[in-house]
PDB file of N, CA and C in Angstrom:
ATOM      1  N   UNK A   1     237.356-114.803 114.519  1.00  0.00           N
ATOM      2  CA  UNK A   1     236.793-113.472 114.260  1.00  0.00           C
ATOM      3  C   UNK A   1     236.363-113.397 112.809  1.00  0.00           C
ATOM      4  N   UNK A   2     235.103-113.136 112.569  1.00  0.00           N
ATOM      5  CA  UNK A   2     234.576-113.105 111.220  1.00  0.00           C
ATOM      6  C   UNK A   2     234.220-111.675 110.846  1.00  0.00           C
ATOM      7  N   UNK A   3     234.829-111.180 109.772  1.00  0.00           N
ATOM      8  CA  UNK A   3     234.541-109.830 109.313  1.00  0.00           C
ATOM      9  C   UNK A   3     233.985-109.826 107.902  1.00  0.00           C
ATOM     10  N   UNK A   4     233.492-110.978 107.440  1.00  0.00           N
ATOM     11  CA  UNK A   4     232.916-111.043 106.105  1.00  0.00           C
ATOM     12  C   UNK A   4     231.540-110.387 106.110  1.00  0.00           C
ATOM     13  N   UNK A   5     231.244-109.673 105.035  1.00  0.00           N
ATOM     14  CA  UNK A   5     229.937-109.042 104.912  1.00  0.00           C
ATOM     15  C   UNK A   5     228.932-110.095 104.462  1.00  0.00           C
ATOM     16  N   UNK A   6     227.820-110.142 105.159  1.00  0.00           N
ATOM     17  CA  UNK A   6     226.753-111.080 104.825  1.00  0.00           C
ATOM     18  C   UNK A   6     225.527-110.298 104.363  1.00  0.00           C
ATOM     19  N   UNK A   7     224.617-110.985 103.701  1.00  0.00           N
ATOM     20  CA  UNK A   7     223.435-110.341 103.133  1.00  0.00           C
ATOM     21  C   UNK A   7     222.193-111.115 103.520  1.00  0.00           C
ATOM     22  N   UNK A   8     221.163-110.378 103.924  1.00  0.00           N
ATOM     23  CA  UNK A   8     219.844-110.953 104.179  1.00  0.00           C
ATOM     24  C   UNK A   8     218.829-110.138 103.391  1.00  0.00           C
ATOM     25  N   UNK A   9     217.971-110.824 102.640  1.00  0.00           N
ATOM     26  CA  UNK A   9     216.892-110.155 101.905  1.00  0.00           C
ATOM     27  C   UNK A   9     215.579-110.722 102.396  1.00  0.00           C
ATOM     28  N   UNK A  10     214.648-109.807 102.717  1.00  0.00           N
ATOM     29  CA  UNK A  10     213.328-110.194 103.202  1.00  0.00           C
ATOM     30  C   UNK A  10     212.293-109.417 102.396  1.00  0.00           C
ATOM     31  N   UNK A  11     211.788-110.038 101.343  1.00  0.00           N
ATOM     32  CA  UNK A  11     210.810-109.356 100.503  1.00  0.00           C
ATOM     33  C   UNK A  11     211.441-108.199  99.755  1.00  0.00           C
ATOM     34  N   UNK A  12     210.941-106.998 100.009  1.00  0.00           N
ATOM     35  CA  UNK A  12     211.407-105.811  99.295  1.00  0.00           C
ATOM     36  C   UNK A  12     212.473-105.027 100.052  1.00  0.00           C
ATOM     37  N   UNK A  13     212.984-105.607 101.131  1.00  0.00           N
ATOM     38  CA  UNK A  13     214.042-104.923 101.870  1.00  0.00           C
ATOM     39  C   UNK A  13     215.132-105.912 102.239  1.00  0.00           C
ATOM     40  N   UNK A  14     216.244-105.381 102.658  1.00  0.00           N
ATOM     41  CA  UNK A  14     217.339-106.257 103.037  1.00  0.00           C
ATOM     42  C   UNK A  14     218.407-105.487 103.777  1.00  0.00           C
ATOM     43  N   UNK A  15     219.444-106.211 104.160  1.00  0.00           N
ATOM     44  CA  UNK A  15     220.562-105.544 104.811  1.00  0.00           C
ATOM     45  C   UNK A  15     221.836-106.356 104.658  1.00  0.00           C
ATOM     46  N   UNK A  16     222.920-105.615 104.572  1.00  0.00           N
ATOM     47  CA  UNK A  16     224.260-106.173 104.617  1.00  0.00           C
ATOM     48  C   UNK A  16     224.717-106.021 106.058  1.00  0.00           C
ATOM     49  N   UNK A  17     225.463-106.987 106.562  1.00  0.00           N
ATOM     50  CA  UNK A  17     225.895-106.886 107.953  1.00  0.00           C
ATOM     51  C   UNK A  17     227.207-107.620 108.167  1.00  0.00           C
ATOM     52  N   UNK A  18     227.865-107.275 109.270  1.00  0.00           N
ATOM     53  CA  UNK A  18     229.121-107.903 109.674  1.00  0.00           C
ATOM     54  C   UNK A  18     228.955-108.397 111.098  1.00  0.00           C
ATOM     55  N   UNK A  19     229.291-109.661 111.305  1.00  0.00           N
ATOM     56  CA  UNK A  19     229.290-110.238 112.640  1.00  0.00           C
ATOM     57  C   UNK A  19     230.727-110.441 113.097  1.00  0.00           C
ATOM     58  N   UNK A  20     230.963-110.169 114.365  1.00  0.00           N
ATOM     59  CA  UNK A  20     232.259-110.435 114.981  1.00  0.00           C
ATOM     60  C   UNK A  20     231.984-111.293 116.208  1.00  0.00           C
ATOM     61  N   UNK A  21     232.580-112.454 116.254  1.00  0.00           N
ATOM     62  CA  UNK A  21     232.380-113.385 117.367  1.00  0.00           C
ATOM     63  C   UNK A  21     230.894-113.639 117.643  1.00  0.00           C
ATOM     64  N   UNK A  22     230.113-113.818 116.571  1.00  0.00           N
ATOM     65  CA  UNK A  22     228.703-114.140 116.702  1.00  0.00           C
ATOM     66  C   UNK A  22     227.788-112.979 117.019  1.00  0.00           C
ATOM     67  N   UNK A  23     228.339-111.763 117.083  1.00  0.00           N
ATOM     68  CA  UNK A  23     227.526-110.583 117.400  1.00  0.00           C
ATOM     69  C   UNK A  23     227.539-109.624 116.210  1.00  0.00           C
ATOM     70  N   UNK A  24     226.359-109.174 115.822  1.00  0.00           N
ATOM     71  CA  UNK A  24     226.280-108.224 114.712  1.00  0.00           C
ATOM     72  C   UNK A  24     226.871-106.887 115.147  1.00  0.00           C
ATOM     73  N   UNK A  25     227.893-106.430 114.427  1.00  0.00           N
ATOM     74  CA  UNK A  25     228.589-105.191 114.797  1.00  0.00           C
ATOM     75  C   UNK A  25     228.367-104.049 113.810  1.00  0.00           C
ATOM     76  N   UNK A  26     227.845-104.367 112.621  1.00  0.00           N
ATOM     77  CA  UNK A  26     227.603-103.324 111.631  1.00  0.00           C
ATOM     78  C   UNK A  26     226.475-103.766 110.713  1.00  0.00           C
ATOM     79  N   UNK A  27     225.691-102.774 110.229  1.00  0.00           N
ATOM     80  CA  UNK A  27     224.569-103.097 109.358  1.00  0.00           C
ATOM     81  C   UNK A  27     224.309-101.933 108.406  1.00  0.00           C
ATOM     82  N   UNK A  28     223.965-102.273 107.177  1.00  0.00           N
ATOM     83  CA  UNK A  28     223.584-101.273 106.180  1.00  0.00           C
ATOM     84  C   UNK A  28     222.281-101.757 105.545  1.00  0.00           C
ATOM     85  N   UNK A  29     221.213-100.983 105.707  1.00  0.00           N
ATOM     86  CA  UNK A  29     219.893-101.402 105.241  1.00  0.00           C
ATOM     87  C   UNK A  29     219.577-100.801 103.879  1.00  0.00           C
ATOM     88  N   UNK A  30     218.722-101.515 103.140  1.00  0.00           N
ATOM     89  CA  UNK A  30     218.287-101.021 101.834  1.00  0.00           C
ATOM     90  C   UNK A  30     216.882-101.521 101.548  1.00  0.00           C
ATOM     91  N   UNK A  31     216.233-100.860 100.583  1.00  0.00           N
ATOM     92  CA  UNK A  31     214.931-101.292 100.082  1.00  0.00           C
ATOM     93  C   UNK A  31     215.025-101.364  98.564  1.00  0.00           C
ATOM     94  N   UNK A  32     214.263-102.287  97.994  1.00  0.00           N
ATOM     95  CA  UNK A  32     214.200-102.378  96.534  1.00  0.00           C
ATOM     96  C   UNK A  32     213.272-101.294  96.012  1.00  0.00           C
ATOM     97  N   UNK A  33     213.664-100.662  94.921  1.00  0.00           N
ATOM     98  CA  UNK A  33     212.833 -99.682  94.223  1.00  0.00           C
ATOM     99  C   UNK A  33     212.582-100.269  92.835  1.00  0.00           C
ATOM    100  N   UNK A  34     211.512-101.010  92.706  1.00  0.00           N
ATOM    101  CA  UNK A  34     211.260-101.730  91.462  1.00  0.00           C
ATOM    102  C   UNK A  34     212.158-102.954  91.387  1.00  0.00           C
ATOM    103  N   UNK A  35     212.362-103.451  90.184  1.00  0.00           N
ATOM    104  CA  UNK A  35     213.154-104.666  90.001  1.00  0.00           C
ATOM    105  C   UNK A  35     214.630-104.403  89.763  1.00  0.00           C
ATOM    106  N   UNK A  36     214.984-103.142  89.480  1.00  0.00           N
ATOM    107  CA  UNK A  36     216.357-102.887  89.038  1.00  0.00           C
ATOM    108  C   UNK A  36     217.106-101.843  89.852  1.00  0.00           C
ATOM    109  N   UNK A  37     216.597-101.506  91.049  1.00  0.00           N
ATOM    110  CA  UNK A  37     217.284-100.511  91.894  1.00  0.00           C
ATOM    111  C   UNK A  37     217.145-100.900  93.368  1.00  0.00           C
ATOM    112  N   UNK A  38     218.181-100.548  94.140  1.00  0.00           N
ATOM    113  CA  UNK A  38     218.063-100.597  95.593  1.00  0.00           C
ATOM    114  C   UNK A  38     218.414 -99.214  96.142  1.00  0.00           C
ATOM    115  N   UNK A  39     217.773 -98.866  97.222  1.00  0.00           N
ATOM    116  CA  UNK A  39     218.029 -97.597  97.905  1.00  0.00           C
ATOM    117  C   UNK A  39     218.691 -97.926  99.238  1.00  0.00           C
ATOM    118  N   UNK A  40     219.953 -97.517  99.391  1.00  0.00           N
ATOM    119  CA  UNK A  40     220.635 -97.683 100.682  1.00  0.00           C
ATOM    120  C   UNK A  40     220.165 -96.536 101.567  1.00  0.00           C
ATOM    121  N   UNK A  41     219.511 -96.875 102.676  1.00  0.00           N
ATOM    122  CA  UNK A  41     218.909 -95.823 103.496  1.00  0.00           C
ATOM    123  C   UNK A  41     219.546 -95.629 104.867  1.00  0.00           C
ATOM    124  N   UNK A  42     220.394 -96.569 105.294  1.00  0.00           N
ATOM    125  CA  UNK A  42     220.969 -96.400 106.637  1.00  0.00           C
ATOM    126  C   UNK A  42     222.197 -97.285 106.791  1.00  0.00           C
ATOM    127  N   UNK A  43     223.228 -96.732 107.416  1.00  0.00           N
ATOM    128  CA  UNK A  43     224.425 -97.500 107.762  1.00  0.00           C
ATOM    129  C   UNK A  43     224.716 -97.260 109.235  1.00  0.00           C
ATOM    130  N   UNK A  44     225.000 -98.344 109.945  1.00  0.00           N
ATOM    131  CA  UNK A  44     225.221 -98.254 111.389  1.00  0.00           C
ATOM    132  C   UNK A  44     226.377 -99.173 111.778  1.00  0.00           C
ATOM    133  N   UNK A  45     227.317 -98.639 112.538  1.00  0.00           N
ATOM    134  CA  UNK A  45     228.430 -99.438 113.060  1.00  0.00           C
ATOM    135  C   UNK A  45     228.414 -99.282 114.579  1.00  0.00           C
ATOM    136  N   UNK A  46     228.431-100.391 115.288  1.00  0.00           N
ATOM    137  CA  UNK A  46     228.368-100.342 116.748  1.00  0.00           C
ATOM    138  C   UNK A  46     229.576 -99.617 117.339  1.00  0.00           C
ATOM    139  N   UNK A  47     229.385 -98.930 118.480  1.00  0.00           N
ATOM    140  CA  UNK A  47     230.499 -98.258 119.153  1.00  0.00           C
ATOM    141  C   UNK A  47     231.650 -99.226 119.403  1.00  0.00           C
ATOM    142  N   UNK A  48     232.851 -98.722 119.241  1.00  0.00           N
ATOM    143  CA  UNK A  48     234.038 -99.542 119.433  1.00  0.00           C
ATOM    144  C   UNK A  48     234.567-100.138 118.139  1.00  0.00           C
ATOM    145  N   UNK A  49     233.791 -99.991 117.062  1.00  0.00           N
ATOM    146  CA  UNK A  49     234.206-100.533 115.776  1.00  0.00           C
ATOM    147  C   UNK A  49     234.553 -99.445 114.764  1.00  0.00           C
ATOM    148  N   UNK A  50     234.599 -98.219 115.207  1.00  0.00           N
ATOM    149  CA  UNK A  50     234.954 -97.122 114.325  1.00  0.00           C
ATOM    150  C   UNK A  50     236.373 -97.337 113.795  1.00  0.00           C
ATOM    151  N   UNK A  51     236.592 -96.963 112.549  1.00  0.00           N
ATOM    152  CA  UNK A  51     237.933 -97.045 111.973  1.00  0.00           C
ATOM    153  C   UNK A  51     238.339 -98.430 111.503  1.00  0.00           C
ATOM    154  N   UNK A  52     237.443 -99.402 111.584  1.00  0.00           N
ATOM    155  CA  UNK A  52     237.773-100.767 111.144  1.00  0.00           C
ATOM    156  C   UNK A  52     237.398-101.004 109.685  1.00  0.00           C
ATOM    157  N   UNK A  53     236.778-100.017 109.059  1.00  0.00           N
ATOM    158  CA  UNK A  53     236.426-100.136 107.654  1.00  0.00           C
ATOM    159  C   UNK A  53     235.165-100.938 107.393  1.00  0.00           C
ATOM    160  N   UNK A  54     234.376-101.189 108.438  1.00  0.00           N
ATOM    161  CA  UNK A  54     233.174-101.999 108.269  1.00  0.00           C
ATOM    162  C   UNK A  54     232.183-101.341 107.301  1.00  0.00           C
ATOM    163  N   UNK A  55     231.981-100.039 107.441  1.00  0.00           N
ATOM    164  CA  UNK A  55     231.039 -99.336 106.565  1.00  0.00           C
ATOM    165  C   UNK A  55     231.435 -99.446 105.108  1.00  0.00           C
ATOM    166  N   UNK A  56     232.697 -99.203 104.820  1.00  0.00           N
ATOM    167  CA  UNK A  56     233.160 -99.274 103.430  1.00  0.00           C
ATOM    168  C   UNK A  56     233.079-100.709 102.901  1.00  0.00           C
ATOM    169  N   UNK A  57     233.352-101.693 103.751  1.00  0.00           N
ATOM    170  CA  UNK A  57     233.227-103.097 103.328  1.00  0.00           C
ATOM    171  C   UNK A  57     231.793-103.405 102.905  1.00  0.00           C
ATOM    172  N   UNK A  58     230.829-102.870 103.651  1.00  0.00           N
ATOM    173  CA  UNK A  58     229.428-103.133 103.315  1.00  0.00           C
ATOM    174  C   UNK A  58     229.032-102.447 102.014  1.00  0.00           C
ATOM    175  N   UNK A  59     229.508-101.208 101.815  1.00  0.00           N
ATOM    176  CA  UNK A  59     229.238-100.526 100.547  1.00  0.00           C
ATOM    177  C   UNK A  59     229.856-101.314  99.399  1.00  0.00           C
ATOM    178  N   UNK A  60     231.080-101.795  99.585  1.00  0.00           N
ATOM    179  CA  UNK A  60     231.746-102.588  98.556  1.00  0.00           C
ATOM    180  C   UNK A  60     230.917-103.832  98.208  1.00  0.00           C
ATOM    181  N   UNK A  61     230.379-104.492  99.223  1.00  0.00           N
ATOM    182  CA  UNK A  61     229.559-105.681  98.997  1.00  0.00           C
ATOM    183  C   UNK A  61     228.269-105.311  98.269  1.00  0.00           C
ATOM    184  N   UNK A  62     227.697-104.163  98.589  1.00  0.00           N
ATOM    185  CA  UNK A  62     226.492-103.707  97.885  1.00  0.00           C
ATOM    186  C   UNK A  62     226.795-103.475  96.405  1.00  0.00           C
ATOM    187  N   UNK A  63     227.962-102.907  96.119  1.00  0.00           N
ATOM    188  CA  UNK A  63     228.370-102.678  94.732  1.00  0.00           C
ATOM    189  C   UNK A  63     228.531-104.021  94.011  1.00  0.00           C
ATOM    190  N   UNK A  64     229.182-104.982  94.657  1.00  0.00           N
ATOM    191  CA  UNK A  64     229.317-106.330  94.075  1.00  0.00           C
ATOM    192  C   UNK A  64     227.944-106.925  93.781  1.00  0.00           C
ATOM    193  N   UNK A  65     227.049-106.820  94.742  1.00  0.00           N
ATOM    194  CA  UNK A  65     225.697-107.355  94.579  1.00  0.00           C
ATOM    195  C   UNK A  65     224.998-106.683  93.399  1.00  0.00           C
ATOM    196  N   UNK A  66     225.115-105.358  93.309  1.00  0.00           N
ATOM    197  CA  UNK A  66     224.478-104.616  92.216  1.00  0.00           C
ATOM    198  C   UNK A  66     225.025-105.057  90.867  1.00  0.00           C
ATOM    199  N   UNK A  67     226.337-105.209  90.766  1.00  0.00           N
ATOM    200  CA  UNK A  67     226.944-105.637  89.504  1.00  0.00           C
ATOM    201  C   UNK A  67     226.502-107.050  89.127  1.00  0.00           C
ATOM    202  N   UNK A  68     226.494-107.953  90.091  1.00  0.00           N
ATOM    203  CA  UNK A  68     226.116-109.343  89.822  1.00  0.00           C
ATOM    204  C   UNK A  68     224.654-109.472  89.397  1.00  0.00           C
ATOM    205  N   UNK A  69     223.804-108.567  89.889  1.00  0.00           N
ATOM    206  CA  UNK A  69     222.373-108.659  89.621  1.00  0.00           C
ATOM    207  C   UNK A  69     221.868-107.604  88.647  1.00  0.00           C
ATOM    208  N   UNK A  70     222.798-106.863  88.054  1.00  0.00           N
ATOM    209  CA  UNK A  70     222.479-105.847  87.052  1.00  0.00           C
ATOM    210  C   UNK A  70     221.435-104.843  87.557  1.00  0.00           C
ATOM    211  N   UNK A  71     221.704-104.318  88.759  1.00  0.00           N
ATOM    212  CA  UNK A  71     220.820-103.301  89.331  1.00  0.00           C
ATOM    213  C   UNK A  71     221.625-102.052  89.675  1.00  0.00           C
ATOM    214  N   UNK A  72     220.930-100.981  89.934  1.00  0.00           N
ATOM    215  CA  UNK A  72     221.558 -99.709  90.296  1.00  0.00           C
ATOM    216  C   UNK A  72     221.325 -99.424  91.772  1.00  0.00           C
ATOM    217  N   UNK A  73     222.184 -98.562  92.324  1.00  0.00           N
ATOM    218  CA  UNK A  73     222.091 -98.183  93.737  1.00  0.00           C
ATOM    219  C   UNK A  73     221.804 -96.686  93.849  1.00  0.00           C
ATOM    220  N   UNK A  74     220.853 -96.366  94.714  1.00  0.00           N
ATOM    221  CA  UNK A  74     220.577 -94.967  95.071  1.00  0.00           C
ATOM    222  C   UNK A  74     221.016 -94.815  96.527  1.00  0.00           C
ATOM    223  N   UNK A  75     222.144 -94.131  96.780  1.00  0.00           N
ATOM    224  CA  UNK A  75     222.640 -94.011  98.154  1.00  0.00           C
ATOM    225  C   UNK A  75     222.040 -92.808  98.886  1.00  0.00           C
ATOM    226  N   UNK A  76     220.906 -93.009  99.563  1.00  0.00           N
ATOM    227  CA  UNK A  76     220.302 -91.925 100.346  1.00  0.00           C
ATOM    228  C   UNK A  76     221.001 -91.756 101.688  1.00  0.00           C
ATOM    229  N   UNK A  77     221.589 -92.809 102.196  1.00  0.00           N
ATOM    230  CA  UNK A  77     222.329 -92.746 103.450  1.00  0.00           C
ATOM    231  C   UNK A  77     223.549 -91.839 103.265  1.00  0.00           C
ATOM    232  N   UNK A  78     223.743 -90.856 104.143  1.00  0.00           N
ATOM    233  CA  UNK A  78     224.886 -89.937 103.993  1.00  0.00           C
ATOM    234  C   UNK A  78     226.243 -90.649 103.972  1.00  0.00           C
ATOM    235  N   UNK A  79     226.409 -91.688 104.774  1.00  0.00           N
ATOM    236  CA  UNK A  79     227.681 -92.398 104.776  1.00  0.00           C
ATOM    237  C   UNK A  79     227.923 -93.079 103.427  1.00  0.00           C
ATOM    238  N   UNK A  80     226.917 -93.836 102.960  1.00  0.00           N
ATOM    239  CA  UNK A  80     227.068 -94.539 101.682  1.00  0.00           C
ATOM    240  C   UNK A  80     227.314 -93.539 100.559  1.00  0.00           C
ATOM    241  N   UNK A  81     226.597 -92.424 100.577  1.00  0.00           N
ATOM    242  CA  UNK A  81     226.785 -91.400  99.543  1.00  0.00           C
ATOM    243  C   UNK A  81     228.217 -90.877  99.578  1.00  0.00           C
ATOM    244  N   UNK A  82     228.770 -90.685 100.762  1.00  0.00           N
ATOM    245  CA  UNK A  82     230.139 -90.172 100.866  1.00  0.00           C
ATOM    246  C   UNK A  82     231.145 -91.171 100.285  1.00  0.00           C
ATOM    247  N   UNK A  83     230.899 -92.464 100.457  1.00  0.00           N
ATOM    248  CA  UNK A  83     231.791 -93.472  99.880  1.00  0.00           C
ATOM    249  C   UNK A  83     231.697 -93.427  98.360  1.00  0.00           C
ATOM    250  N   UNK A  84     230.490 -93.344  97.819  1.00  0.00           N
ATOM    251  CA  UNK A  84     230.332 -93.255  96.368  1.00  0.00           C
ATOM    252  C   UNK A  84     230.993 -91.996  95.814  1.00  0.00           C
ATOM    253  N   UNK A  85     230.912 -90.898  96.565  1.00  0.00           N
ATOM    254  CA  UNK A  85     231.558 -89.652  96.128  1.00  0.00           C
ATOM    255  C   UNK A  85     233.073 -89.789  96.078  1.00  0.00           C
ATOM    256  N   UNK A  86     233.653 -90.578  96.976  1.00  0.00           N
ATOM    257  CA  UNK A  86     235.114 -90.722  97.073  1.00  0.00           C
ATOM    258  C   UNK A  86     235.677 -91.811  96.159  1.00  0.00           C
ATOM    259  N   UNK A  87     234.897 -92.853  95.871  1.00  0.00           N
ATOM    260  CA  UNK A  87     235.415 -94.014  95.139  1.00  0.00           C
ATOM    261  C   UNK A  87     234.804 -94.042  93.745  1.00  0.00           C
ATOM    262  N   UNK A  88     235.529 -93.494  92.790  1.00  0.00           N
ATOM    263  CA  UNK A  88     234.994 -93.376  91.432  1.00  0.00           C
ATOM    264  C   UNK A  88     234.719 -94.740  90.780  1.00  0.00           C
ATOM    265  N   UNK A  89     235.435 -95.791  91.212  1.00  0.00           N
ATOM    266  CA  UNK A  89     235.221 -97.121  90.619  1.00  0.00           C
ATOM    267  C   UNK A  89     233.829 -97.672  90.921  1.00  0.00           C
ATOM    268  N   UNK A  90     233.163 -97.134  91.925  1.00  0.00           N
ATOM    269  CA  UNK A  90     231.835 -97.623  92.289  1.00  0.00           C
ATOM    270  C   UNK A  90     230.727 -96.944  91.498  1.00  0.00           C
ATOM    271  N   UNK A  91     231.028 -95.889  90.777  1.00  0.00           N
ATOM    272  CA  UNK A  91     229.972 -95.056  90.184  1.00  0.00           C
ATOM    273  C   UNK A  91     229.223 -95.723  89.048  1.00  0.00           C
ATOM    274  N   UNK A  92     229.741 -96.840  88.529  1.00  0.00           N
ATOM    275  CA  UNK A  92     229.027 -97.526  87.435  1.00  0.00           C
ATOM    276  C   UNK A  92     227.679 -98.090  87.891  1.00  0.00           C
ATOM    277  N   UNK A  93     227.484 -98.236  89.188  1.00  0.00           N
ATOM    278  CA  UNK A  93     226.218 -98.788  89.679  1.00  0.00           C
ATOM    279  C   UNK A  93     225.236 -97.698  90.128  1.00  0.00           C
ATOM    280  N   UNK A  94     225.617 -96.451  89.973  1.00  0.00           N
ATOM    281  CA  UNK A  94     224.711 -95.355  90.365  1.00  0.00           C
ATOM    282  C   UNK A  94     223.694 -95.085  89.269  1.00  0.00           C
TER     283      UNK A  94
END
């Protein structure tokens, strides 16, 4: 069972995702806004995976990615925004 967050970037957009037993069970999409910002626009977790922390894991990975690449995050997705509102340690990338 693999619950590691993975990242795919395709041009100016990308997504973080989690696969379980070879099936994608969660995804958080984003688009680049210039060279130094990403906009998280959607988070989706498949039915049956609620409460497993997949959404927060993906936000955490986005924060890691932002820090490593010296970029900022604009969380337009209501779920991602709620995580940023609750976790003050993530606010350095806003």
